[in-house]
Amino acid sequence: MGSGAGTIGEADVITANFLFDFNGEVMTQALLVPNLAFGERVSFAMNRYMTSMKKELGFIPDINELKQVYFLKCKQHLGVEFYQGEFTDEEIHEMDIMEDRFNSDDWLFQVKKPKSEERLVKIHADRWIGLMNYSREERKIKVMTELGGNRVSFIKIESNINENGAIERLEKRLLNVELRSEVIRKIINDVRNIGNHDDWINAIMRVRTERQRITGYG
């Protein structure tokens, strides 16, 4: 369930969104993902961290019954009287305009962004999955990371240069650590034969930098 509240004129508005059912595989197909591995990780995370009424209850409840329960709970906890209202003619007109817009070919078939080799997807709350590229001179690094807050819950690194299995050792050391440059530097210092340390730090930290660019927080 998602909820929201706000003030419009003299009215206090409360909204509720109930997710009756959810299919992570279908949602992933609607996303523009860079490759199959990234899509599979996103699908796995969606099914793991997102829930629905059907998943919690084992069945999809009747919508009218759900409305009644929500109505009574709001009345109980807010301590105010409720009455049945209706949309005004003006509100219905505005809704018709929005419905026509979102069902138009111009909206449904608008030009999409070109497919990118990088992607950052918010799964739920502070759960993110990113695929970031880094290159400098001959070194090319690709990092797929799943973050819970600032902590690494999954990481897969690819590079055109893998010195004696150092990447596999680095992946294991990075699991469950906080994604901060000083922490990453210490881990990389402990992993031998890893090449230029700054390259690896910049590559691994890119997912957090991109998240900060999008959201405004690190």
Protein backbone atom coordinates (compact mmCIF):
# COMPACT_ATOMS: atom_id res chain seq x y z
CA MET A 1 0.00 0.00 0.00
CA GLY A 2 1.07 3.53 -0.69
CA SER A 3 -0.47 6.60 0.85
CA GLY A 4 -0.24 10.34 0.53
CA ALA A 5 -1.76 13.52 1.89
CA GLY A 6 -1.91 17.15 0.94
CA THR A 7 -3.94 20.35 1.10
CA ILE A 8 -5.89 21.68 -1.88
CA GLY A 9 -7.60 24.95 -1.12
CA GLU A 10 -9.54 24.42 2.10
CA ALA A 11 -9.57 20.63 1.70
CA ASP A 12 -7.25 18.13 3.35
CA VAL A 13 -6.75 15.30 0.86
CA ILE A 14 -5.77 11.74 1.78
CA THR A 15 -5.01 9.18 -0.91
CA ALA A 16 -4.40 5.44 -0.79
CA ASN A 17 -2.97 3.09 -3.40
CA PHE A 18 -3.44 -0.64 -2.95
CA LEU A 19 -1.42 -3.06 -5.08
CA PHE A 20 -3.71 -6.04 -5.59
CA ASP A 21 -1.24 -8.14 -7.60
CA PHE A 22 2.20 -7.69 -9.09
CA ASN A 23 4.29 -9.58 -11.65
CA GLY A 24 7.98 -8.69 -11.57
CA GLU A 25 8.75 -10.50 -14.82
CA VAL A 26 6.12 -8.56 -16.77
CA MET A 27 7.24 -5.25 -15.24
CA THR A 28 10.85 -5.97 -16.19
CA GLN A 29 9.80 -6.56 -19.80
CA ALA A 30 8.36 -3.03 -19.83
CA LEU A 31 11.67 -1.53 -18.71
CA LEU A 32 14.44 -0.62 -21.10
CA VAL A 33 17.25 -2.74 -19.64
CA PRO A 34 20.83 -2.91 -20.97
CA ASN A 35 21.12 -6.70 -20.99
CA LEU A 36 19.50 -9.96 -19.90
CA ALA A 37 21.52 -10.32 -16.68
CA PHE A 38 20.46 -6.88 -15.48
CA GLY A 39 16.82 -7.62 -16.33
CA GLU A 40 16.93 -10.89 -14.40
CA ARG A 41 18.38 -9.14 -11.35
CA VAL A 42 15.71 -6.44 -11.47
CA SER A 43 12.97 -9.06 -11.80
CA PHE A 44 14.37 -11.05 -8.86
CA ALA A 45 14.56 -7.93 -6.68
CA MET A 46 11.04 -6.80 -7.57
CA ASN A 47 9.58 -10.17 -6.63
CA ARG A 48 11.59 -10.23 -3.42
CA TYR A 49 11.13 -6.68 -2.12
CA MET A 50 7.71 -5.68 -3.48
CA THR A 51 4.52 -7.11 -2.08
CA SER A 52 0.84 -7.09 -2.96
CA MET A 53 -2.52 -7.86 -1.41
CA LYS A 54 -2.50 -11.27 -3.11
CA LYS A 55 0.97 -12.13 -1.78
CA GLU A 56 0.10 -11.09 1.79
CA LEU A 57 -3.41 -12.54 1.94
CA GLY A 58 -3.20 -15.41 -0.52
CA PHE A 59 -6.11 -14.01 -2.52
CA ILE A 60 -7.27 -10.76 -4.12
CA PRO A 61 -9.86 -9.09 -1.86
CA ASP A 62 -13.11 -7.56 -3.05
CA ILE A 63 -12.46 -3.91 -3.88
CA ASN A 64 -15.67 -2.65 -2.24
CA GLU A 65 -14.89 -4.54 0.96
CA LEU A 66 -11.38 -3.06 0.94
CA LYS A 67 -12.77 0.46 0.51
CA GLN A 68 -15.09 -0.05 3.47
CA VAL A 69 -12.31 -1.32 5.73
CA TYR A 70 -10.04 1.58 4.74
CA PHE A 71 -12.89 4.05 5.32
CA LEU A 72 -13.54 2.72 8.82
CA LYS A 73 -9.84 2.67 9.74
CA CYS A 74 -9.37 6.27 8.61
CA LYS A 75 -12.44 7.32 10.60
CA GLN A 76 -11.16 5.47 13.66
CA HIS A 77 -7.60 6.81 13.62
CA LEU A 78 -8.28 10.36 12.42
CA GLY A 79 -11.25 10.92 14.71
CA VAL A 80 -13.33 12.80 12.16
CA GLU A 81 -16.70 12.29 10.50
CA PHE A 82 -16.86 11.17 6.86
CA TYR A 83 -19.61 11.48 4.30
CA GLN A 84 -20.02 10.25 0.74
CA GLY A 85 -19.01 12.87 -1.78
CA GLU A 86 -19.21 13.17 -5.55
CA PHE A 87 -16.98 14.64 -8.23
CA THR A 88 -18.10 17.97 -9.61
CA ASP A 89 -18.82 18.43 -13.31
CA GLU A 90 -15.60 20.46 -13.59
CA GLU A 91 -13.56 17.66 -11.99
CA ILE A 92 -15.11 15.05 -14.27
CA HIS A 93 -14.30 17.24 -17.29
CA GLU A 94 -10.64 17.52 -16.21
CA MET A 95 -10.46 13.74 -15.70
CA ASP A 96 -11.86 13.16 -19.19
CA ILE A 97 -9.17 15.44 -20.63
CA MET A 98 -6.41 13.53 -18.81
CA GLU A 99 -7.84 10.16 -19.82
CA ASP A 100 -7.99 11.19 -23.48
CA ARG A 101 -4.40 12.42 -23.29
CA PHE A 102 -2.99 9.26 -21.73
CA ASN A 103 -4.88 7.05 -24.20
CA SER A 104 -3.78 9.00 -27.25
CA ASP A 105 -1.30 7.65 -29.79
CA ASP A 106 0.90 10.71 -29.18
CA TRP A 107 1.30 9.65 -25.54
CA LEU A 108 1.36 5.86 -25.96
CA PHE A 109 3.77 5.81 -28.91
CA GLN A 110 5.94 8.80 -28.11
CA VAL A 111 9.62 8.57 -28.99
CA LYS A 112 11.51 6.55 -26.39
CA LYS A 113 14.98 7.15 -25.13
CA PRO A 114 17.63 5.18 -27.03
CA LYS A 115 18.80 2.03 -25.33
CA SER A 116 21.74 2.69 -23.04
CA GLU A 117 24.47 0.40 -21.73
CA GLU A 118 23.89 1.96 -18.30
CA ARG A 119 20.77 1.86 -16.15
CA LEU A 120 19.70 2.70 -12.61
CA VAL A 121 16.35 1.35 -11.36
CA LYS A 122 14.62 2.04 -8.06
CA ILE A 123 13.01 -1.17 -6.84
CA HIS A 124 11.38 -0.08 -3.61
CA ALA A 125 12.08 2.50 -0.89
CA ASP A 126 15.91 2.60 -0.64
CA ARG A 127 16.51 -0.49 -2.82
CA TRP A 128 18.29 0.30 -6.11
CA ILE A 129 19.98 -1.70 -8.88
CA GLY A 130 22.47 -0.07 -11.20
CA LEU A 131 24.67 -1.05 -14.13
CA MET A 132 27.51 1.42 -14.64
CA ASN A 133 30.47 1.56 -17.01
CA TYR A 134 33.89 3.07 -16.45
CA SER A 135 36.83 3.35 -18.81
CA ARG A 136 40.25 4.99 -18.74
CA GLU A 137 42.97 4.32 -21.24
CA GLU A 138 42.97 0.53 -21.82
CA ARG A 139 40.98 -0.32 -18.71
CA LYS A 140 37.24 -1.00 -19.13
CA ILE A 141 35.09 -1.87 -16.10
CA LYS A 142 31.38 -2.73 -15.87
CA VAL A 143 29.75 -2.95 -12.44
CA MET A 144 26.24 -4.19 -11.61
CA THR A 145 25.30 -3.32 -8.04
CA GLU A 146 22.27 -3.76 -5.83
CA LEU A 147 22.07 -1.32 -2.95
CA GLY A 148 19.96 -1.46 0.20
CA GLY A 149 20.44 2.06 1.47
CA ASN A 150 24.18 2.53 1.01
CA ARG A 151 25.05 -1.11 1.63
CA VAL A 152 26.02 -3.52 -1.15
CA SER A 153 23.74 -6.56 -1.23
CA PHE A 154 24.85 -7.80 -4.65
CA ILE A 155 27.72 -6.90 -6.97
CA LYS A 156 29.00 -8.31 -10.25
CA ILE A 157 32.12 -6.84 -11.86
CA GLU A 158 33.41 -7.35 -15.37
CA SER A 159 36.68 -6.01 -16.78
CA ASN A 160 38.76 -6.54 -19.88
CA ILE A 161 41.70 -7.12 -17.52
CA ASN A 162 41.32 -9.59 -14.64
CA GLU A 163 44.56 -10.00 -12.77
CA ASN A 164 44.78 -13.54 -11.38
CA GLY A 165 41.22 -13.77 -10.10
CA ALA A 166 41.39 -10.44 -8.28
CA ILE A 167 37.87 -9.44 -9.41
CA GLU A 168 36.28 -12.49 -7.76
CA ARG A 169 38.11 -11.74 -4.51
CA LEU A 170 37.02 -8.11 -4.71
CA GLU A 171 33.35 -9.04 -5.24
CA LYS A 172 33.35 -11.24 -2.14
CA ARG A 173 34.95 -8.51 -0.02
CA LEU A 174 32.45 -5.88 -1.18
CA LEU A 175 29.32 -7.79 -0.19
CA ASN A 176 27.41 -6.21 2.73
CA VAL A 177 29.79 -3.27 3.06
CA GLU A 178 28.77 0.38 3.06
CA LEU A 179 29.44 2.04 -0.28
CA ARG A 180 31.81 4.82 0.75
CA SER A 181 35.00 5.69 -1.08
CA GLU A 182 37.22 5.31 2.00
CA VAL A 183 35.74 1.88 2.74
CA ILE A 184 36.17 0.77 -0.88
CA ARG A 185 39.75 2.04 -0.95
CA LYS A 186 40.66 0.02 2.15
CA ILE A 187 39.18 -3.15 0.64
CA ILE A 188 40.96 -2.61 -2.68
CA ASN A 189 44.24 -2.02 -0.85
CA ASP A 190 43.80 -5.46 0.72
CA VAL A 191 43.12 -7.15 -2.62
CA ARG A 192 46.38 -7.78 -4.45
CA ASN A 193 47.04 -7.51 -8.18
CA ILE A 194 44.04 -5.26 -8.81
CA GLY A 195 45.70 -2.57 -10.92
CA ASN A 196 45.09 1.17 -10.55
CA HIS A 197 43.12 1.59 -7.34
CA ASP A 198 41.48 4.88 -8.35
CA ASP A 199 39.99 3.22 -11.44
CA TRP A 200 38.26 0.60 -9.33
CA ILE A 201 37.05 3.09 -6.73
CA ASN A 202 35.59 5.38 -9.41
CA ALA A 203 33.93 2.45 -11.18
CA ILE A 204 32.38 0.98 -8.03
CA MET A 205 31.22 4.35 -6.65
CA ARG A 206 29.50 5.40 -9.89
CA VAL A 207 26.18 3.83 -8.92
CA ARG A 208 25.99 5.96 -5.77
CA THR A 209 27.06 9.07 -7.68
CA GLU A 210 24.33 8.49 -10.27
CA ARG A 211 21.72 7.88 -7.58
CA GLN A 212 22.72 11.15 -5.93
CA ARG A 213 22.38 12.96 -9.27
CA ILE A 214 18.85 11.61 -9.72
CA THR A 215 17.52 11.91 -6.18
CA GLY A 216 19.59 14.70 -4.64
CA TYR A 217 20.84 12.49 -1.81
CA GLY A 218 23.73 10.06 -1.61
